[in-house]
Amino acid sequence: MAAKQFEELEIWKLARNLTGRVYRLTGTGRFAQDYGLCNQIQRASVSVMSNIAEGYERGGNRAFLQFLAIAKGSCGEVRCQLYVALDQGHLDRRAAEPLIDQHKKLSIMIYNFMEHLKESKFKGHKYKPRKADPKLEEFDALLQKHLQGKV
């Protein structure tokens, strides 16, 4: 069954969960005092879920794929910043490694979803042919007759 809203996408649900974990982790201890890194990792984490949502709402596969690529990039950025936090002593390995692993998993899920969309016959509502409106067709025909001087 296709998702009718971005909130139904498993990649968005995981991104949301991980964003909550990033916020909890960055809100305490030494990490919270490193304002630059704290702000950057929070923004990157929010970017993952936001780009999934924005791409979905665009309604076409090409735009969705572009936003998923950005989300995947932001996912890598979060992982990189978690390594910085680990190296700076803001996190211990027990806290950092599971979060890094979950972001790797999310990155793979986004990639797999992108590959699925590339092969999908569904191209989004922007690409679906619109049903002709009989009243508009009648109006267009009458307009054409008028322009040709037949009415």
N, C-alpha and C. Protein backbone atom coordinates (compact mmCIF):
# COMPACT_ATOMS: atom_id res chain seq x y z
N MET A 1 0.85 -1.19 0.00
CA MET A 1 0.00 0.00 0.00
C MET A 1 0.89 1.24 0.00
N ALA A 2 0.59 2.18 -0.86
CA ALA A 2 1.37 3.41 -0.97
C ALA A 2 1.02 4.36 0.18
N ALA A 3 2.02 5.10 0.60
CA ALA A 3 1.81 6.08 1.66
C ALA A 3 0.99 7.25 1.11
N LYS A 4 0.04 7.68 1.87
CA LYS A 4 -0.79 8.81 1.47
C LYS A 4 -0.27 10.12 2.08
N GLN A 5 0.58 9.99 3.09
CA GLN A 5 1.19 11.15 3.76
C GLN A 5 2.63 10.80 4.09
N PHE A 6 3.49 11.83 4.16
CA PHE A 6 4.89 11.54 4.46
C PHE A 6 5.06 10.91 5.84
N GLU A 7 4.12 11.18 6.75
CA GLU A 7 4.21 10.61 8.10
C GLU A 7 4.10 9.09 8.10
N GLU A 8 3.62 8.50 7.02
CA GLU A 8 3.50 7.05 6.92
C GLU A 8 4.78 6.38 6.43
N LEU A 9 5.72 7.16 5.92
CA LEU A 9 6.96 6.60 5.39
C LEU A 9 7.87 6.12 6.54
N GLU A 10 8.36 4.90 6.41
CA GLU A 10 9.25 4.35 7.45
C GLU A 10 10.52 5.17 7.59
N ILE A 11 11.05 5.69 6.48
CA ILE A 11 12.27 6.49 6.57
C ILE A 11 12.03 7.79 7.34
N TRP A 12 10.84 8.36 7.18
CA TRP A 12 10.53 9.59 7.92
C TRP A 12 10.34 9.28 9.41
N LYS A 13 9.68 8.18 9.70
CA LYS A 13 9.47 7.79 11.11
C LYS A 13 10.81 7.57 11.81
N LEU A 14 11.73 6.88 11.15
CA LEU A 14 13.05 6.65 11.75
C LEU A 14 13.81 7.96 11.89
N ALA A 15 13.75 8.82 10.87
CA ALA A 15 14.42 10.12 10.95
C ALA A 15 13.88 10.94 12.11
N ARG A 16 12.59 10.90 12.33
CA ARG A 16 11.98 11.63 13.45
C ARG A 16 12.48 11.08 14.78
N ASN A 17 12.50 9.76 14.90
CA ASN A 17 12.99 9.13 16.12
C ASN A 17 14.44 9.52 16.40
N LEU A 18 15.27 9.48 15.36
CA LEU A 18 16.68 9.81 15.53
C LEU A 18 16.88 11.29 15.86
N THR A 19 16.05 12.14 15.29
CA THR A 19 16.13 13.57 15.61
C THR A 19 15.83 13.80 17.09
N GLY A 20 14.84 13.12 17.61
CA GLY A 20 14.53 13.22 19.05
C GLY A 20 15.71 12.76 19.90
N ARG A 21 16.35 11.68 19.47
CA ARG A 21 17.51 11.17 20.21
C ARG A 21 18.68 12.15 20.15
N VAL A 22 18.89 12.76 18.98
CA VAL A 22 19.97 13.75 18.84
C VAL A 22 19.70 14.94 19.77
N TYR A 23 18.48 15.41 19.80
CA TYR A 23 18.14 16.54 20.67
C TYR A 23 18.35 16.19 22.15
N ARG A 24 17.95 15.00 22.55
CA ARG A 24 18.15 14.60 23.95
C ARG A 24 19.64 14.51 24.28
N LEU A 25 20.39 13.97 23.36
CA LEU A 25 21.83 13.79 23.57
C LEU A 25 22.57 15.12 23.61
N THR A 26 22.18 16.04 22.76
CA THR A 26 22.88 17.32 22.69
C THR A 26 22.43 18.30 23.77
N GLY A 27 21.39 17.98 24.47
CA GLY A 27 20.84 18.89 25.47
C GLY A 27 21.45 18.75 26.86
N THR A 28 22.44 17.88 27.01
CA THR A 28 23.01 17.66 28.34
C THR A 28 24.53 17.64 28.29
N GLY A 29 25.12 17.85 29.45
CA GLY A 29 26.57 17.69 29.62
C GLY A 29 27.41 18.64 28.79
N ARG A 30 28.62 18.15 28.48
CA ARG A 30 29.58 18.95 27.72
C ARG A 30 29.07 19.27 26.32
N PHE A 31 28.31 18.34 25.77
CA PHE A 31 27.80 18.54 24.42
C PHE A 31 26.97 19.82 24.35
N ALA A 32 26.12 20.03 25.32
CA ALA A 32 25.24 21.20 25.32
C ALA A 32 26.03 22.51 25.39
N GLN A 33 27.24 22.45 25.88
CA GLN A 33 28.07 23.65 26.00
C GLN A 33 28.84 23.98 24.73
N ASP A 34 28.92 23.03 23.82
CA ASP A 34 29.56 23.27 22.52
C ASP A 34 28.47 23.74 21.56
N TYR A 35 28.16 25.03 21.64
CA TYR A 35 27.00 25.56 20.93
C TYR A 35 27.07 25.38 19.42
N GLY A 36 28.25 25.56 18.84
CA GLY A 36 28.39 25.43 17.39
C GLY A 36 28.08 24.02 16.92
N LEU A 37 28.74 23.03 17.53
CA LEU A 37 28.52 21.64 17.14
C LEU A 37 27.10 21.20 17.48
N CYS A 38 26.63 21.61 18.64
CA CYS A 38 25.27 21.26 19.07
C CYS A 38 24.24 21.76 18.06
N ASN A 39 24.38 23.02 17.68
CA ASN A 39 23.44 23.61 16.72
C ASN A 39 23.54 22.93 15.37
N GLN A 40 24.76 22.66 14.92
CA GLN A 40 24.96 22.07 13.60
C GLN A 40 24.38 20.67 13.50
N ILE A 41 24.61 19.85 14.51
CA ILE A 41 24.10 18.47 14.45
C ILE A 41 22.57 18.44 14.57
N GLN A 42 22.02 19.36 15.36
CA GLN A 42 20.56 19.44 15.46
C GLN A 42 19.96 19.86 14.12
N ARG A 43 20.58 20.84 13.48
CA ARG A 43 20.07 21.31 12.19
C ARG A 43 20.17 20.23 11.12
N ALA A 44 21.28 19.50 11.12
CA ALA A 44 21.46 18.42 10.13
C ALA A 44 20.43 17.31 10.36
N SER A 45 20.17 17.01 11.62
CA SER A 45 19.21 15.97 11.95
C SER A 45 17.80 16.37 11.51
N VAL A 46 17.43 17.60 11.78
CA VAL A 46 16.13 18.11 11.35
C VAL A 46 16.06 18.13 9.82
N SER A 47 17.17 18.42 9.17
CA SER A 47 17.21 18.45 7.71
C SER A 47 16.86 17.11 7.10
N VAL A 48 17.27 16.02 7.73
CA VAL A 48 16.96 14.69 7.20
C VAL A 48 15.44 14.51 7.11
N MET A 49 14.76 14.69 8.22
CA MET A 49 13.31 14.46 8.22
C MET A 49 12.57 15.52 7.40
N SER A 50 13.06 16.75 7.43
CA SER A 50 12.40 17.82 6.68
C SER A 50 12.48 17.61 5.18
N ASN A 51 13.63 17.17 4.69
CA ASN A 51 13.78 16.95 3.26
C ASN A 51 12.97 15.75 2.77
N ILE A 52 12.84 14.74 3.60
CA ILE A 52 11.97 13.62 3.24
C ILE A 52 10.54 14.13 3.09
N ALA A 53 10.09 14.93 4.06
CA ALA A 53 8.72 15.46 4.02
C ALA A 53 8.53 16.40 2.83
N GLU A 54 9.46 17.32 2.64
CA GLU A 54 9.30 18.30 1.57
C GLU A 54 9.32 17.62 0.20
N GLY A 55 10.22 16.67 0.02
CA GLY A 55 10.27 15.95 -1.24
C GLY A 55 8.99 15.21 -1.53
N TYR A 56 8.44 14.56 -0.51
CA TYR A 56 7.18 13.83 -0.67
C TYR A 56 6.07 14.78 -1.09
N GLU A 57 6.01 15.93 -0.45
CA GLU A 57 4.94 16.89 -0.70
C GLU A 57 5.04 17.54 -2.07
N ARG A 58 6.20 17.47 -2.70
CA ARG A 58 6.35 18.05 -4.04
C ARG A 58 5.53 17.28 -5.07
N GLY A 59 5.31 15.99 -4.82
CA GLY A 59 4.38 15.24 -5.65
C GLY A 59 4.93 14.57 -6.88
N GLY A 60 6.19 14.73 -7.21
CA GLY A 60 6.75 14.07 -8.38
C GLY A 60 8.03 13.34 -8.01
N ASN A 61 8.32 12.27 -8.72
CA ASN A 61 9.49 11.46 -8.39
C ASN A 61 10.80 12.22 -8.53
N ARG A 62 10.95 13.01 -9.57
CA ARG A 62 12.23 13.69 -9.78
C ARG A 62 12.54 14.63 -8.61
N ALA A 63 11.59 15.42 -8.20
CA ALA A 63 11.80 16.32 -7.06
C ALA A 63 12.00 15.51 -5.78
N PHE A 64 11.21 14.46 -5.61
CA PHE A 64 11.33 13.62 -4.41
C PHE A 64 12.73 13.02 -4.34
N LEU A 65 13.24 12.52 -5.46
CA LEU A 65 14.59 11.94 -5.48
C LEU A 65 15.64 12.98 -5.11
N GLN A 66 15.48 14.19 -5.58
CA GLN A 66 16.42 15.26 -5.25
C GLN A 66 16.42 15.54 -3.75
N PHE A 67 15.25 15.63 -3.16
CA PHE A 67 15.16 15.89 -1.73
C PHE A 67 15.65 14.70 -0.90
N LEU A 68 15.40 13.48 -1.40
CA LEU A 68 15.93 12.31 -0.69
C LEU A 68 17.45 12.30 -0.72
N ALA A 69 18.05 12.74 -1.82
CA ALA A 69 19.50 12.82 -1.90
C ALA A 69 20.04 13.82 -0.88
N ILE A 70 19.34 14.92 -0.71
CA ILE A 70 19.75 15.91 0.30
C ILE A 70 19.60 15.32 1.69
N ALA A 71 18.50 14.61 1.93
CA ALA A 71 18.28 13.97 3.24
C ALA A 71 19.39 12.96 3.53
N LYS A 72 19.77 12.19 2.53
CA LYS A 72 20.84 11.20 2.69
C LYS A 72 22.16 11.90 3.02
N GLY A 73 22.42 13.01 2.35
CA GLY A 73 23.62 13.79 2.65
C GLY A 73 23.62 14.32 4.07
N SER A 74 22.48 14.81 4.52
CA SER A 74 22.37 15.32 5.89
C SER A 74 22.54 14.19 6.90
N CYS A 75 22.10 13.00 6.54
CA CYS A 75 22.27 11.84 7.41
C CYS A 75 23.76 11.56 7.60
N GLY A 76 24.53 11.65 6.53
CA GLY A 76 25.97 11.49 6.62
C GLY A 76 26.60 12.60 7.45
N GLU A 77 26.07 13.80 7.33
CA GLU A 77 26.57 14.93 8.11
C GLU A 77 26.37 14.68 9.61
N VAL A 78 25.23 14.15 9.99
CA VAL A 78 24.97 13.84 11.40
C VAL A 78 25.99 12.81 11.89
N ARG A 79 26.23 11.78 11.10
CA ARG A 79 27.21 10.76 11.49
C ARG A 79 28.59 11.38 11.69
N CYS A 80 28.99 12.22 10.76
CA CYS A 80 30.29 12.88 10.86
C CYS A 80 30.38 13.71 12.15
N GLN A 81 29.33 14.43 12.46
CA GLN A 81 29.34 15.28 13.65
C GLN A 81 29.30 14.45 14.93
N LEU A 82 28.71 13.27 14.87
CA LEU A 82 28.76 12.38 16.02
C LEU A 82 30.19 11.91 16.28
N TYR A 83 30.96 11.69 15.21
CA TYR A 83 32.38 11.35 15.38
C TYR A 83 33.15 12.51 15.99
N VAL A 84 32.84 13.73 15.56
CA VAL A 84 33.48 14.92 16.16
C VAL A 84 33.16 14.98 17.64
N ALA A 85 31.90 14.79 17.99
CA ALA A 85 31.49 14.82 19.40
C ALA A 85 32.20 13.72 20.19
N LEU A 86 32.35 12.57 19.61
CA LEU A 86 33.06 11.46 20.25
C LEU A 86 34.53 11.83 20.45
N ASP A 87 35.15 12.36 19.42
CA ASP A 87 36.56 12.74 19.50
C ASP A 87 36.81 13.87 20.50
N GLN A 88 35.84 14.74 20.69
CA GLN A 88 35.98 15.86 21.62
C GLN A 88 35.59 15.49 23.06
N GLY A 89 35.16 14.28 23.25
CA GLY A 89 34.80 13.84 24.59
C GLY A 89 33.40 14.25 25.01
N HIS A 90 32.60 14.73 24.07
CA HIS A 90 31.23 15.11 24.40
C HIS A 90 30.35 13.87 24.57
N LEU A 91 30.75 12.78 23.96
CA LEU A 91 30.01 11.51 24.02
C LEU A 91 30.99 10.38 24.30
N ASP A 92 30.49 9.34 24.94
CA ASP A 92 31.30 8.13 25.04
C ASP A 92 30.84 7.17 23.95
N ARG A 93 31.62 6.14 23.72
CA ARG A 93 31.32 5.19 22.64
C ARG A 93 29.95 4.52 22.81
N ARG A 94 29.56 4.25 24.05
CA ARG A 94 28.26 3.60 24.30
C ARG A 94 27.10 4.45 23.80
N ALA A 95 27.24 5.75 23.88
CA ALA A 95 26.18 6.66 23.41
C ALA A 95 26.29 6.91 21.91
N ALA A 96 27.52 7.04 21.42
CA ALA A 96 27.72 7.45 20.02
C ALA A 96 27.49 6.31 19.03
N GLU A 97 28.03 5.14 19.30
CA GLU A 97 28.00 4.07 18.30
C GLU A 97 26.60 3.61 17.89
N PRO A 98 25.68 3.42 18.83
CA PRO A 98 24.33 3.03 18.39
C PRO A 98 23.66 4.10 17.51
N LEU A 99 23.91 5.36 17.83
CA LEU A 99 23.32 6.44 17.04
C LEU A 99 23.97 6.52 15.65
N ILE A 100 25.26 6.31 15.60
CA ILE A 100 25.96 6.27 14.31
C ILE A 100 25.42 5.11 13.48
N ASP A 101 25.28 3.95 14.10
CA ASP A 101 24.76 2.77 13.39
C ASP A 101 23.34 2.99 12.88
N GLN A 102 22.50 3.63 13.68
CA GLN A 102 21.13 3.89 13.25
C GLN A 102 21.09 4.87 12.08
N HIS A 103 22.01 5.83 12.07
CA HIS A 103 22.08 6.76 10.94
C HIS A 103 22.61 6.06 9.69
N LYS A 104 23.51 5.11 9.85
CA LYS A 104 23.95 4.30 8.70
C LYS A 104 22.77 3.52 8.14
N LYS A 105 21.99 2.92 9.04
CA LYS A 105 20.80 2.16 8.62
C LYS A 105 19.83 3.07 7.86
N LEU A 106 19.60 4.26 8.39
CA LEU A 106 18.69 5.20 7.74
C LEU A 106 19.22 5.60 6.36
N SER A 107 20.50 5.82 6.26
CA SER A 107 21.10 6.18 4.99
C SER A 107 20.89 5.08 3.95
N ILE A 108 21.05 3.84 4.37
CA ILE A 108 20.81 2.69 3.47
C ILE A 108 19.34 2.62 3.09
N MET A 109 18.46 2.85 4.04
CA MET A 109 17.02 2.82 3.75
C MET A 109 16.64 3.91 2.74
N ILE A 110 17.21 5.10 2.90
CA ILE A 110 16.93 6.19 1.96
C ILE A 110 17.43 5.82 0.58
N TYR A 111 18.65 5.27 0.52
CA TYR A 111 19.22 4.85 -0.77
C TYR A 111 18.32 3.81 -1.44
N ASN A 112 17.92 2.81 -0.68
CA ASN A 112 17.06 1.75 -1.24
C ASN A 112 15.72 2.32 -1.72
N PHE A 113 15.18 3.26 -0.98
CA PHE A 113 13.93 3.89 -1.38
C PHE A 113 14.12 4.69 -2.66
N MET A 114 15.26 5.37 -2.78
CA MET A 114 15.56 6.12 -4.00
C MET A 114 15.63 5.18 -5.20
N GLU A 115 16.29 4.05 -5.03
CA GLU A 115 16.40 3.08 -6.12
C GLU A 115 15.02 2.54 -6.50
N HIS A 116 14.19 2.31 -5.51
CA HIS A 116 12.82 1.85 -5.77
C HIS A 116 12.05 2.89 -6.58
N LEU A 117 12.18 4.16 -6.20
CA LEU A 117 11.46 5.21 -6.92
C LEU A 117 11.94 5.34 -8.36
N LYS A 118 13.22 5.13 -8.59
CA LYS A 118 13.75 5.22 -9.95
C LYS A 118 13.12 4.17 -10.86
N GLU A 119 12.79 3.02 -10.29
CA GLU A 119 12.22 1.92 -11.07
C GLU A 119 10.69 1.91 -11.07
N SER A 120 10.09 2.72 -10.23
CA SER A 120 8.64 2.71 -10.05
C SER A 120 7.92 3.26 -11.27
N LYS A 121 6.78 2.66 -11.58
CA LYS A 121 5.92 3.18 -12.63
C LYS A 121 5.17 4.42 -12.15
N PHE A 122 4.95 4.51 -10.84
CA PHE A 122 4.24 5.65 -10.26
C PHE A 122 5.15 6.86 -10.31
N LYS A 123 4.68 7.93 -10.88
CA LYS A 123 5.50 9.12 -11.04
C LYS A 123 4.95 10.32 -10.28
N GLY A 124 4.00 10.10 -9.41
CA GLY A 124 3.45 11.20 -8.62
C GLY A 124 2.28 11.88 -9.31
N HIS A 125 1.54 12.66 -8.56
CA HIS A 125 0.33 13.27 -9.10
C HIS A 125 0.62 14.30 -10.18
N LYS A 126 1.81 14.85 -10.23
CA LYS A 126 2.12 15.83 -11.27
C LYS A 126 2.21 15.18 -12.64
N TYR A 127 2.45 13.88 -12.67
CA TYR A 127 2.64 13.19 -13.93
C TYR A 127 1.42 12.40 -14.38
N LYS A 128 0.42 12.35 -13.58
CA LYS A 128 -0.79 11.63 -13.97
C LYS A 128 -1.57 12.46 -14.98
N PRO A 129 -2.06 11.84 -16.04
CA PRO A 129 -2.88 12.61 -16.97
C PRO A 129 -4.17 13.05 -16.28
N ARG A 130 -4.53 14.26 -16.53
CA ARG A 130 -5.75 14.78 -15.92
C ARG A 130 -6.96 14.37 -16.74
N LYS A 131 -8.05 14.11 -16.06
CA LYS A 131 -9.30 13.77 -16.74
C LYS A 131 -9.85 15.05 -17.37
N ALA A 132 -10.33 14.90 -18.55
CA ALA A 132 -10.90 16.04 -19.25
C ALA A 132 -12.23 16.42 -18.60
N ASP A 133 -12.44 17.67 -18.46
CA ASP A 133 -13.69 18.19 -17.92
C ASP A 133 -14.61 18.47 -19.12
N PRO A 134 -15.76 17.76 -19.20
CA PRO A 134 -16.66 17.95 -20.36
C PRO A 134 -17.09 19.40 -20.54
N LYS A 135 -17.31 20.13 -19.45
CA LYS A 135 -17.74 21.53 -19.57
C LYS A 135 -16.62 22.39 -20.17
N LEU A 136 -15.36 22.10 -19.77
CA LEU A 136 -14.26 22.86 -20.35
C LEU A 136 -14.06 22.51 -21.81
N GLU A 137 -14.24 21.24 -22.17
CA GLU A 137 -14.12 20.84 -23.57
C GLU A 137 -15.19 21.53 -24.41
N GLU A 138 -16.40 21.59 -23.87
CA GLU A 138 -17.49 22.25 -24.58
C GLU A 138 -17.19 23.74 -24.75
N PHE A 139 -16.67 24.37 -23.71
CA PHE A 139 -16.30 25.78 -23.76
C PHE A 139 -15.19 26.01 -24.79
N ASP A 140 -14.15 25.13 -24.78
CA ASP A 140 -13.05 25.25 -25.74
C ASP A 140 -13.55 25.13 -27.17
N ALA A 141 -14.46 24.19 -27.42
CA ALA A 141 -15.01 23.99 -28.76
C ALA A 141 -15.80 25.23 -29.20
N LEU A 142 -16.59 25.78 -28.31
CA LEU A 142 -17.36 26.98 -28.60
C LEU A 142 -16.43 28.16 -28.85
N LEU A 143 -15.38 28.28 -28.06
CA LEU A 143 -14.40 29.35 -28.23
C LEU A 143 -13.71 29.24 -29.58
N GLN A 144 -13.34 28.04 -29.98
CA GLN A 144 -12.71 27.82 -31.28
C GLN A 144 -13.64 28.23 -32.42
N LYS A 145 -14.90 27.87 -32.31
CA LYS A 145 -15.88 28.24 -33.34
C LYS A 145 -16.00 29.76 -33.42
N HIS A 146 -16.03 30.40 -32.26
CA HIS A 146 -16.14 31.86 -32.22
C HIS A 146 -14.92 32.51 -32.88
N LEU A 147 -13.73 31.99 -32.55
CA LEU A 147 -12.51 32.56 -33.12
C LEU A 147 -12.45 32.37 -34.62
N GLN A 148 -13.07 31.31 -35.13
CA GLN A 148 -13.09 31.03 -36.57
C GLN A 148 -14.24 31.76 -37.26
N GLY A 149 -15.03 32.47 -36.48
CA GLY A 149 -16.14 33.25 -37.05
C GLY A 149 -17.35 32.39 -37.41
N LYS A 150 -17.45 31.21 -36.82
CA LYS A 150 -18.56 30.31 -37.14
C LYS A 150 -19.73 30.48 -36.17
N VAL A 151 -19.57 31.32 -35.16
CA VAL A 151 -20.65 31.51 -34.20
C VAL A 151 -21.05 32.97 -34.19
